[in-house]
Amino acid sequence: MTKDHPREAAPRPTIERRHIRHSPLFWVGALMFLAATVIYLWSEDLAQLPWG
């Protein structure tokens, strides 16, 4: 580009970030989600209906 509009002005500071899959909290949440899904699918019907 020209001197008036440089493409690379200054290097941006990088923030070191981990992927979400490296967080133990993610795996606890994923395990709880899968457990709830399995319990729901293996149950007959978890809906609380007033007529029975």
PDB file of N, CA and C in Angstrom:
ATOM      1  N   MET A   1       0.829  -1.177   0.000  1.00  0.00           N
ATOM      2  CA  MET A   1       0.000   0.000   0.000  1.00  0.00           C
ATOM      3  C   MET A   1       0.879   1.248   0.000  1.00  0.00           C
ATOM      4  N   THR A   2       0.248   2.359   0.158  1.00  0.00           N
ATOM      5  CA  THR A   2       0.986   3.619   0.161  1.00  0.00           C
ATOM      6  C   THR A   2       1.460   3.946   1.562  1.00  0.00           C
ATOM      7  N   LYS A   3       2.257   4.985   1.663  1.00  0.00           N
ATOM      8  CA  LYS A   3       2.750   5.395   2.970  1.00  0.00           C
ATOM      9  C   LYS A   3       1.640   5.990   3.829  1.00  0.00           C
ATOM     10  N   ASP A   4       0.611   6.540   3.199  1.00  0.00           N
ATOM     11  CA  ASP A   4      -0.480   7.162   3.946  1.00  0.00           C
ATOM     12  C   ASP A   4      -1.369   6.121   4.630  1.00  0.00           C
ATOM     13  N   HIS A   5      -1.530   4.965   4.018  1.00  0.00           N
ATOM     14  CA  HIS A   5      -2.414   3.926   4.546  1.00  0.00           C
ATOM     15  C   HIS A   5      -1.679   2.594   4.619  1.00  0.00           C
ATOM     16  N   PRO A   6      -0.841   2.443   5.611  1.00  0.00           N
ATOM     17  CA  PRO A   6      -0.120   1.156   5.694  1.00  0.00           C
ATOM     18  C   PRO A   6      -1.054   0.034   6.131  1.00  0.00           C
ATOM     19  N   ARG A   7      -0.871  -1.114   5.560  1.00  0.00           N
ATOM     20  CA  ARG A   7      -1.690  -2.280   5.896  1.00  0.00           C
ATOM     21  C   ARG A   7      -1.331  -2.804   7.283  1.00  0.00           C
ATOM     22  N   GLU A   8      -0.049  -2.832   7.565  1.00  0.00           N
ATOM     23  CA  GLU A   8       0.419  -3.368   8.839  1.00  0.00           C
ATOM     24  C   GLU A   8       0.985  -2.223   9.671  1.00  0.00           C
ATOM     25  N   ALA A   9       0.151  -1.656  10.520  1.00  0.00           N
ATOM     26  CA  ALA A   9       0.582  -0.501  11.297  1.00  0.00           C
ATOM     27  C   ALA A   9       1.509  -0.928  12.434  1.00  0.00           C
ATOM     28  N   ALA A  10       0.978  -1.650  13.383  1.00  0.00           N
ATOM     29  CA  ALA A  10       1.779  -2.100  14.514  1.00  0.00           C
ATOM     30  C   ALA A  10       1.330  -3.508  14.873  1.00  0.00           C
ATOM     31  N   PRO A  11       2.243  -4.319  15.339  1.00  0.00           N
ATOM     32  CA  PRO A  11       1.831  -5.673  15.727  1.00  0.00           C
ATOM     33  C   PRO A  11       0.887  -5.617  16.918  1.00  0.00           C
ATOM     34  N   ARG A  12      -0.202  -6.360  16.823  1.00  0.00           N
ATOM     35  CA  ARG A  12      -1.191  -6.394  17.895  1.00  0.00           C
ATOM     36  C   ARG A  12      -0.716  -7.350  18.978  1.00  0.00           C
ATOM     37  N   PRO A  13      -0.923  -6.994  20.231  1.00  0.00           N
ATOM     38  CA  PRO A  13      -0.536  -7.931  21.291  1.00  0.00           C
ATOM     39  C   PRO A  13      -1.422  -9.175  21.235  1.00  0.00           C
ATOM     40  N   THR A  14      -0.818 -10.300  21.341  1.00  0.00           N
ATOM     41  CA  THR A  14      -1.582 -11.548  21.259  1.00  0.00           C
ATOM     42  C   THR A  14      -1.967 -12.000  22.665  1.00  0.00           C
ATOM     43  N   ILE A  15      -3.177 -12.458  22.788  1.00  0.00           N
ATOM     44  CA  ILE A  15      -3.666 -13.005  24.047  1.00  0.00           C
ATOM     45  C   ILE A  15      -3.647 -14.519  23.902  1.00  0.00           C
ATOM     46  N   GLU A  16      -2.947 -15.146  24.792  1.00  0.00           N
ATOM     47  CA  GLU A  16      -2.864 -16.605  24.708  1.00  0.00           C
ATOM     48  C   GLU A  16      -4.173 -17.191  25.224  1.00  0.00           C
ATOM     49  N   ARG A  17      -4.917 -17.851  24.353  1.00  0.00           N
ATOM     50  CA  ARG A  17      -6.206 -18.431  24.711  1.00  0.00           C
ATOM     51  C   ARG A  17      -6.149 -19.923  24.458  1.00  0.00           C
ATOM     52  N   ARG A  18      -6.795 -20.646  25.359  1.00  0.00           N
ATOM     53  CA  ARG A  18      -6.900 -22.088  25.169  1.00  0.00           C
ATOM     54  C   ARG A  18      -8.220 -22.398  24.492  1.00  0.00           C
ATOM     55  N   HIS A  19      -8.254 -23.493  23.775  1.00  0.00           N
ATOM     56  CA  HIS A  19      -9.505 -23.957  23.201  1.00  0.00           C
ATOM     57  C   HIS A  19     -10.429 -24.373  24.338  1.00  0.00           C
ATOM     58  N   ILE A  20     -11.732 -24.283  24.091  1.00  0.00           N
ATOM     59  CA  ILE A  20     -12.708 -24.596  25.137  1.00  0.00           C
ATOM     60  C   ILE A  20     -12.603 -26.054  25.565  1.00  0.00           C
ATOM     61  N   ARG A  21     -12.174 -26.924  24.670  1.00  0.00           N
ATOM     62  CA  ARG A  21     -12.106 -28.351  25.023  1.00  0.00           C
ATOM     63  C   ARG A  21     -10.995 -28.652  26.025  1.00  0.00           C
ATOM     64  N   HIS A  22     -10.132 -27.686  26.294  1.00  0.00           N
ATOM     65  CA  HIS A  22      -9.080 -27.889  27.286  1.00  0.00           C
ATOM     66  C   HIS A  22      -9.550 -27.518  28.700  1.00  0.00           C
ATOM     67  N   SER A  23     -10.740 -26.988  28.821  1.00  0.00           N
ATOM     68  CA  SER A  23     -11.257 -26.577  30.118  1.00  0.00           C
ATOM     69  C   SER A  23     -11.977 -27.737  30.793  1.00  0.00           C
ATOM     70  N   PRO A  24     -11.659 -28.017  32.054  1.00  0.00           N
ATOM     71  CA  PRO A  24     -12.375 -29.091  32.753  1.00  0.00           C
ATOM     72  C   PRO A  24     -13.856 -28.772  32.929  1.00  0.00           C
ATOM     73  N   LEU A  25     -14.196 -27.506  33.045  1.00  0.00           N
ATOM     74  CA  LEU A  25     -15.590 -27.116  33.197  1.00  0.00           C
ATOM     75  C   LEU A  25     -16.407 -27.504  31.966  1.00  0.00           C
ATOM     76  N   PHE A  26     -15.809 -27.409  30.787  1.00  0.00           N
ATOM     77  CA  PHE A  26     -16.485 -27.832  29.560  1.00  0.00           C
ATOM     78  C   PHE A  26     -16.821 -29.312  29.615  1.00  0.00           C
ATOM     79  N   TRP A  27     -15.887 -30.146  30.058  1.00  0.00           N
ATOM     80  CA  TRP A  27     -16.111 -31.591  30.074  1.00  0.00           C
ATOM     81  C   TRP A  27     -17.113 -31.985  31.144  1.00  0.00           C
ATOM     82  N   VAL A  28     -17.148 -31.277  32.260  1.00  0.00           N
ATOM     83  CA  VAL A  28     -18.167 -31.540  33.284  1.00  0.00           C
ATOM     84  C   VAL A  28     -19.546 -31.218  32.715  1.00  0.00           C
ATOM     85  N   GLY A  29     -19.667 -30.087  32.035  1.00  0.00           N
ATOM     86  CA  GLY A  29     -20.941 -29.712  31.423  1.00  0.00           C
ATOM     87  C   GLY A  29     -21.356 -30.667  30.324  1.00  0.00           C
ATOM     88  N   ALA A  30     -20.408 -31.092  29.515  1.00  0.00           N
ATOM     89  CA  ALA A  30     -20.716 -32.033  28.431  1.00  0.00           C
ATOM     90  C   ALA A  30     -21.169 -33.381  28.994  1.00  0.00           C
ATOM     91  N   LEU A  31     -20.528 -33.835  30.057  1.00  0.00           N
ATOM     92  CA  LEU A  31     -20.904 -35.099  30.673  1.00  0.00           C
ATOM     93  C   LEU A  31     -22.302 -35.011  31.294  1.00  0.00           C
ATOM     94  N   MET A  32     -22.595 -33.897  31.953  1.00  0.00           N
ATOM     95  CA  MET A  32     -23.924 -33.723  32.541  1.00  0.00           C
ATOM     96  C   MET A  32     -24.997 -33.640  31.455  1.00  0.00           C
ATOM     97  N   PHE A  33     -24.698 -32.977  30.351  1.00  0.00           N
ATOM     98  CA  PHE A  33     -25.636 -32.888  29.234  1.00  0.00           C
ATOM     99  C   PHE A  33     -25.912 -34.269  28.652  1.00  0.00           C
ATOM    100  N   LEU A  34     -24.876 -35.043  28.426  1.00  0.00           N
ATOM    101  CA  LEU A  34     -25.057 -36.380  27.871  1.00  0.00           C
ATOM    102  C   LEU A  34     -25.814 -37.289  28.840  1.00  0.00           C
ATOM    103  N   ALA A  35     -25.519 -37.169  30.136  1.00  0.00           N
ATOM    104  CA  ALA A  35     -26.234 -37.981  31.128  1.00  0.00           C
ATOM    105  C   ALA A  35     -27.717 -37.622  31.144  1.00  0.00           C
ATOM    106  N   ALA A  36     -28.034 -36.341  31.086  1.00  0.00           N
ATOM    107  CA  ALA A  36     -29.441 -35.928  31.070  1.00  0.00           C
ATOM    108  C   ALA A  36     -30.142 -36.417  29.811  1.00  0.00           C
ATOM    109  N   THR A  37     -29.458 -36.378  28.692  1.00  0.00           N
ATOM    110  CA  THR A  37     -30.045 -36.849  27.434  1.00  0.00           C
ATOM    111  C   THR A  37     -30.318 -38.348  27.492  1.00  0.00           C
ATOM    112  N   VAL A  38     -29.371 -39.108  28.003  1.00  0.00           N
ATOM    113  CA  VAL A  38     -29.540 -40.562  28.100  1.00  0.00           C
ATOM    114  C   VAL A  38     -30.667 -40.907  29.065  1.00  0.00           C
ATOM    115  N   ILE A  39     -30.721 -40.234  30.199  1.00  0.00           N
ATOM    116  CA  ILE A  39     -31.795 -40.499  31.163  1.00  0.00           C
ATOM    117  C   ILE A  39     -33.148 -40.196  30.546  1.00  0.00           C
ATOM    118  N   TYR A  40     -33.245 -39.099  29.830  1.00  0.00           N
ATOM    119  CA  TYR A  40     -34.516 -38.747  29.194  1.00  0.00           C
ATOM    120  C   TYR A  40     -34.917 -39.774  28.139  1.00  0.00           C
ATOM    121  N   LEU A  41     -33.970 -40.200  27.324  1.00  0.00           N
ATOM    122  CA  LEU A  41     -34.291 -41.140  26.250  1.00  0.00           C
ATOM    123  C   LEU A  41     -34.635 -42.526  26.782  1.00  0.00           C
ATOM    124  N   TRP A  42     -34.024 -42.958  27.887  1.00  0.00           N
ATOM    125  CA  TRP A  42     -34.293 -44.285  28.440  1.00  0.00           C
ATOM    126  C   TRP A  42     -35.523 -44.306  29.333  1.00  0.00           C
ATOM    127  N   SER A  43     -36.030 -43.152  29.712  1.00  0.00           N
ATOM    128  CA  SER A  43     -37.234 -43.121  30.554  1.00  0.00           C
ATOM    129  C   SER A  43     -38.468 -43.274  29.668  1.00  0.00           C
ATOM    130  N   GLU A  44     -39.550 -43.657  30.275  1.00  0.00           N
ATOM    131  CA  GLU A  44     -40.798 -43.798  29.516  1.00  0.00           C
ATOM    132  C   GLU A  44     -41.306 -42.444  29.081  1.00  0.00           C
ATOM    133  N   ASP A  45     -41.590 -41.597  30.072  1.00  0.00           N
ATOM    134  CA  ASP A  45     -42.069 -40.249  29.763  1.00  0.00           C
ATOM    135  C   ASP A  45     -41.882 -39.396  31.006  1.00  0.00           C
ATOM    136  N   LEU A  46     -41.102 -38.348  30.904  1.00  0.00           N
ATOM    137  CA  LEU A  46     -40.841 -37.493  32.050  1.00  0.00           C
ATOM    138  C   LEU A  46     -41.787 -36.306  32.118  1.00  0.00           C
ATOM    139  N   ALA A  47     -42.722 -36.214  31.186  1.00  0.00           N
ATOM    140  CA  ALA A  47     -43.656 -35.095  31.201  1.00  0.00           C
ATOM    141  C   ALA A  47     -44.656 -35.264  32.330  1.00  0.00           C
ATOM    142  N   GLN A  48     -44.886 -34.217  33.072  1.00  0.00           N
ATOM    143  CA  GLN A  48     -45.870 -34.232  34.152  1.00  0.00           C
ATOM    144  C   GLN A  48     -47.177 -33.677  33.601  1.00  0.00           C
ATOM    145  N   LEU A  49     -48.048 -34.563  33.177  1.00  0.00           N
ATOM    146  CA  LEU A  49     -49.318 -34.154  32.600  1.00  0.00           C
ATOM    147  C   LEU A  49     -50.417 -34.255  33.650  1.00  0.00           C
ATOM    148  N   PRO A  50     -51.316 -33.308  33.713  1.00  0.00           N
ATOM    149  CA  PRO A  50     -52.350 -33.327  34.753  1.00  0.00           C
ATOM    150  C   PRO A  50     -53.340 -34.492  34.610  1.00  0.00           C
ATOM    151  N   TRP A  51     -53.486 -35.058  33.436  1.00  0.00           N
ATOM    152  CA  TRP A  51     -54.472 -36.133  33.264  1.00  0.00           C
ATOM    153  C   TRP A  51     -53.863 -37.530  33.356  1.00  0.00           C
ATOM    154  N   GLY A  52     -52.628 -37.608  33.745  1.00  0.00           N
ATOM    155  CA  GLY A  52     -52.144 -38.939  34.013  1.00  0.00           C
ATOM    156  C   GLY A  52     -50.801 -39.211  33.498  1.00  0.00           C
TER     157      GLY A  52
END
